[in-house]
Amino acid sequence: MPETTVNVRYMVDDVQAAVAWYTKHLGFSVLSNHAPAFADVRRGALRLLLSGPLSSAGRPMPDGERPSPGGWNRIHLVVNDLAAEVERLRAAGVGFRNDVVTGPGGSQILLKDPAGNFVELFQPAAR
């Protein structure tokens, strides 16, 4: 991968469901698919590694704790028209964590992927 690629790993419960969700709803393309263990998808310079329970990243830690999906870390995708994206995704049945929040820098909303990981859609404020 070139140095301009950003790699993020998400733990997921179902690799195939995650691949379908990211490609269908957010325009990612598949780089490799080794379901049920692992797949990676790309959008622009972002390579998202989708690791299931059978992947090496899903192995228990020395104390027995297993890596699992969820948490508050998230990828942040910039969009031009947040309202239109929210409408499109709601119509497709995508789950949201909250409603649109607006602040001085712009507006954002959190989506939940099939495993409960967050994706933030963000529209910068007009300058």
C-alpha atoms as a PDB file:
ATOM      1  CA  MET A   1       0.000   0.000   0.000  1.00  0.00           C
ATOM      2  CA  PRO A   2       1.314   3.478  -0.768  1.00  0.00           C
ATOM      3  CA  GLU A   3       2.193   5.798   2.109  1.00  0.00           C
ATOM      4  CA  THR A   4      -0.819   7.951   1.228  1.00  0.00           C
ATOM      5  CA  THR A   5      -3.189   5.133   2.206  1.00  0.00           C
ATOM      6  CA  VAL A   6      -4.714   5.308   5.679  1.00  0.00           C
ATOM      7  CA  ASN A   7      -5.491   1.906   7.210  1.00  0.00           C
ATOM      8  CA  VAL A   8      -8.167   1.465   9.890  1.00  0.00           C
ATOM      9  CA  ARG A   9      -9.204  -1.881  11.388  1.00  0.00           C
ATOM     10  CA  TYR A  10     -12.764  -2.518  12.541  1.00  0.00           C
ATOM     11  CA  MET A  11     -13.732  -5.672  14.374  1.00  0.00           C
ATOM     12  CA  VAL A  12     -17.003  -7.036  12.968  1.00  0.00           C
ATOM     13  CA  ASP A  13     -19.299  -9.938  13.832  1.00  0.00           C
ATOM     14  CA  ASP A  14     -20.027 -10.853  10.204  1.00  0.00           C
ATOM     15  CA  VAL A  15     -17.418 -10.001   7.566  1.00  0.00           C
ATOM     16  CA  GLN A  16     -19.731 -10.581   4.589  1.00  0.00           C
ATOM     17  CA  ALA A  17     -22.462  -8.351   6.062  1.00  0.00           C
ATOM     18  CA  ALA A  18     -19.884  -5.614   6.706  1.00  0.00           C
ATOM     19  CA  VAL A  19     -18.543  -5.813   3.141  1.00  0.00           C
ATOM     20  CA  ALA A  20     -22.068  -5.596   1.732  1.00  0.00           C
ATOM     21  CA  TRP A  21     -22.936  -2.628   3.960  1.00  0.00           C
ATOM     22  CA  TYR A  22     -19.821  -0.556   3.213  1.00  0.00           C
ATOM     23  CA  THR A  23     -19.974  -1.182  -0.542  1.00  0.00           C
ATOM     24  CA  LYS A  24     -23.736  -0.687  -0.892  1.00  0.00           C
ATOM     25  CA  HIS A  25     -24.254   2.313   1.354  1.00  0.00           C
ATOM     26  CA  LEU A  26     -20.965   4.208   1.431  1.00  0.00           C
ATOM     27  CA  GLY A  27     -19.344   3.523  -1.948  1.00  0.00           C
ATOM     28  CA  PHE A  28     -16.385   1.426  -0.808  1.00  0.00           C
ATOM     29  CA  SER A  29     -14.852  -1.067  -3.257  1.00  0.00           C
ATOM     30  CA  VAL A  30     -13.612  -4.533  -2.297  1.00  0.00           C
ATOM     31  CA  LEU A  31      -9.848  -5.092  -2.275  1.00  0.00           C
ATOM     32  CA  SER A  32     -10.007  -8.658  -0.922  1.00  0.00           C
ATOM     33  CA  ASN A  33     -12.624 -10.845   0.685  1.00  0.00           C
ATOM     34  CA  HIS A  34     -11.609 -13.809   2.810  1.00  0.00           C
ATOM     35  CA  ALA A  35     -14.906 -14.138   4.683  1.00  0.00           C
ATOM     36  CA  PRO A  36     -15.671 -15.273   7.262  1.00  0.00           C
ATOM     37  CA  ALA A  37     -12.264 -14.233   8.673  1.00  0.00           C
ATOM     38  CA  PHE A  38     -11.286 -10.977   6.967  1.00  0.00           C
ATOM     39  CA  ALA A  39     -11.884  -8.531   4.119  1.00  0.00           C
ATOM     40  CA  ASP A  40     -10.584  -5.118   3.199  1.00  0.00           C
ATOM     41  CA  VAL A  41     -12.425  -2.368   1.365  1.00  0.00           C
ATOM     42  CA  ARG A  42     -11.312   1.004   0.056  1.00  0.00           C
ATOM     43  CA  ARG A  43     -12.757   4.455  -0.390  1.00  0.00           C
ATOM     44  CA  GLY A  44     -10.279   7.006  -1.680  1.00  0.00           C
ATOM     45  CA  ALA A  45      -7.162   6.874   0.499  1.00  0.00           C
ATOM     46  CA  LEU A  46      -8.926   4.904   3.254  1.00  0.00           C
ATOM     47  CA  ARG A  47      -8.391   1.146   3.464  1.00  0.00           C
ATOM     48  CA  LEU A  48     -10.806  -0.349   5.977  1.00  0.00           C
ATOM     49  CA  LEU A  49      -9.822  -3.747   7.338  1.00  0.00           C
ATOM     50  CA  LEU A  50     -12.895  -5.719   8.407  1.00  0.00           C
ATOM     51  CA  SER A  51     -11.788  -8.412  10.842  1.00  0.00           C
ATOM     52  CA  GLY A  52     -14.169 -11.104  12.053  1.00  0.00           C
ATOM     53  CA  PRO A  53     -13.897 -13.355  15.105  1.00  0.00           C
ATOM     54  CA  LEU A  54     -11.958 -15.935  13.047  1.00  0.00           C
ATOM     55  CA  SER A  55      -9.267 -13.457  11.960  1.00  0.00           C
ATOM     56  CA  SER A  56      -5.873 -13.195  13.633  1.00  0.00           C
ATOM     57  CA  ALA A  57      -6.971  -9.772  14.984  1.00  0.00           C
ATOM     58  CA  GLY A  58      -9.917 -11.505  16.660  1.00  0.00           C
ATOM     59  CA  ARG A  59      -7.779 -13.802  18.792  1.00  0.00           C
ATOM     60  CA  PRO A  60      -8.025 -13.396  22.571  1.00  0.00           C
ATOM     61  CA  MET A  61      -5.519 -11.192  24.391  1.00  0.00           C
ATOM     62  CA  PRO A  62      -3.226 -12.791  26.991  1.00  0.00           C
ATOM     63  CA  ASP A  63      -5.747 -11.924  29.741  1.00  0.00           C
ATOM     64  CA  GLY A  64      -8.536 -13.717  27.820  1.00  0.00           C
ATOM     65  CA  GLU A  65     -10.403 -10.614  26.623  1.00  0.00           C
ATOM     66  CA  ARG A  66     -11.563 -10.927  23.008  1.00  0.00           C
ATOM     67  CA  PRO A  67     -11.485  -7.984  20.596  1.00  0.00           C
ATOM     68  CA  SER A  68     -15.048  -6.957  19.785  1.00  0.00           C
ATOM     69  CA  PRO A  69     -16.906  -4.454  17.603  1.00  0.00           C
ATOM     70  CA  GLY A  70     -18.229  -1.111  18.744  1.00  0.00           C
ATOM     71  CA  GLY A  71     -16.817   1.709  20.793  1.00  0.00           C
ATOM     72  CA  TRP A  72     -16.746   5.412  20.061  1.00  0.00           C
ATOM     73  CA  ASN A  73     -13.791   5.588  17.657  1.00  0.00           C
ATOM     74  CA  ARG A  74     -14.968   6.022  14.104  1.00  0.00           C
ATOM     75  CA  ILE A  75     -14.024   6.803  10.570  1.00  0.00           C
ATOM     76  CA  HIS A  76     -15.029  10.291   9.444  1.00  0.00           C
ATOM     77  CA  LEU A  77     -16.340  10.730   5.898  1.00  0.00           C
ATOM     78  CA  VAL A  78     -16.848  14.221   4.468  1.00  0.00           C
ATOM     79  CA  VAL A  79     -19.993  14.704   2.361  1.00  0.00           C
ATOM     80  CA  ASN A  80     -21.276  17.645   0.325  1.00  0.00           C
ATOM     81  CA  ASP A  81     -24.976  17.363   1.254  1.00  0.00           C
ATOM     82  CA  LEU A  82     -25.553  15.765   4.642  1.00  0.00           C
ATOM     83  CA  ALA A  83     -29.351  16.071   4.501  1.00  0.00           C
ATOM     84  CA  ALA A  84     -29.484  14.220   1.167  1.00  0.00           C
ATOM     85  CA  GLU A  85     -27.139  11.476   2.441  1.00  0.00           C
ATOM     86  CA  VAL A  86     -29.214  11.005   5.603  1.00  0.00           C
ATOM     87  CA  GLU A  87     -32.418  10.768   3.551  1.00  0.00           C
ATOM     88  CA  ARG A  88     -30.845   8.248   1.141  1.00  0.00           C
ATOM     89  CA  LEU A  89     -29.441   6.091   3.927  1.00  0.00           C
ATOM     90  CA  ARG A  90     -32.614   6.155   6.059  1.00  0.00           C
ATOM     91  CA  ALA A  91     -34.597   5.045   2.983  1.00  0.00           C
ATOM     92  CA  ALA A  92     -32.137   2.143   2.618  1.00  0.00           C
ATOM     93  CA  GLY A  93     -32.730   1.078   6.231  1.00  0.00           C
ATOM     94  CA  VAL A  94     -29.332   2.128   7.610  1.00  0.00           C
ATOM     95  CA  GLY A  95     -29.308   2.574  11.395  1.00  0.00           C
ATOM     96  CA  PHE A  96     -28.285   5.864  12.977  1.00  0.00           C
ATOM     97  CA  ARG A  97     -26.999   6.504  16.519  1.00  0.00           C
ATOM     98  CA  ASN A  98     -28.243  10.085  16.707  1.00  0.00           C
ATOM     99  CA  ASP A  99     -29.803  12.932  14.754  1.00  0.00           C
ATOM    100  CA  VAL A 100     -27.787  15.554  12.899  1.00  0.00           C
ATOM    101  CA  VAL A 101     -25.717  17.720  15.255  1.00  0.00           C
ATOM    102  CA  THR A 102     -24.537  21.134  14.073  1.00  0.00           C
ATOM    103  CA  GLY A 103     -21.656  23.140  15.492  1.00  0.00           C
ATOM    104  CA  PRO A 104     -19.311  25.898  14.354  1.00  0.00           C
ATOM    105  CA  GLY A 105     -17.295  23.545  12.145  1.00  0.00           C
ATOM    106  CA  GLY A 106     -20.215  21.887  10.408  1.00  0.00           C
ATOM    107  CA  SER A 107     -22.865  19.199  10.789  1.00  0.00           C
ATOM    108  CA  GLN A 108     -22.479  15.509  11.576  1.00  0.00           C
ATOM    109  CA  ILE A 109     -24.390  12.314  12.217  1.00  0.00           C
ATOM    110  CA  LEU A 110     -23.319   8.822  13.292  1.00  0.00           C
ATOM    111  CA  LEU A 111     -24.265   5.656  11.379  1.00  0.00           C
ATOM    112  CA  LYS A 112     -23.901   2.155  12.785  1.00  0.00           C
ATOM    113  CA  ASP A 113     -22.500  -0.621  10.623  1.00  0.00           C
ATOM    114  CA  PRO A 114     -23.897  -4.169  10.996  1.00  0.00           C
ATOM    115  CA  ALA A 115     -21.472  -4.894  13.882  1.00  0.00           C
ATOM    116  CA  GLY A 116     -22.201  -1.656  15.771  1.00  0.00           C
ATOM    117  CA  ASN A 117     -19.097   0.282  14.689  1.00  0.00           C
ATOM    118  CA  PHE A 118     -19.652   3.975  14.041  1.00  0.00           C
ATOM    119  CA  VAL A 119     -19.165   5.940  10.841  1.00  0.00           C
ATOM    120  CA  GLU A 120     -19.445   9.714  11.015  1.00  0.00           C
ATOM    121  CA  LEU A 121     -20.780  11.631   8.031  1.00  0.00           C
ATOM    122  CA  PHE A 122     -19.671  15.265   8.214  1.00  0.00           C
ATOM    123  CA  GLN A 123     -20.575  18.315   6.139  1.00  0.00           C
ATOM    124  CA  PRO A 124     -18.230  21.257   6.773  1.00  0.00           C
ATOM    125  CA  ALA A 125     -19.781  24.642   7.525  1.00  0.00           C
ATOM    126  CA  ALA A 126     -19.878  27.095   4.640  1.00  0.00           C
ATOM    127  CA  ARG A 127     -16.873  29.409   4.739  1.00  0.00           C
END
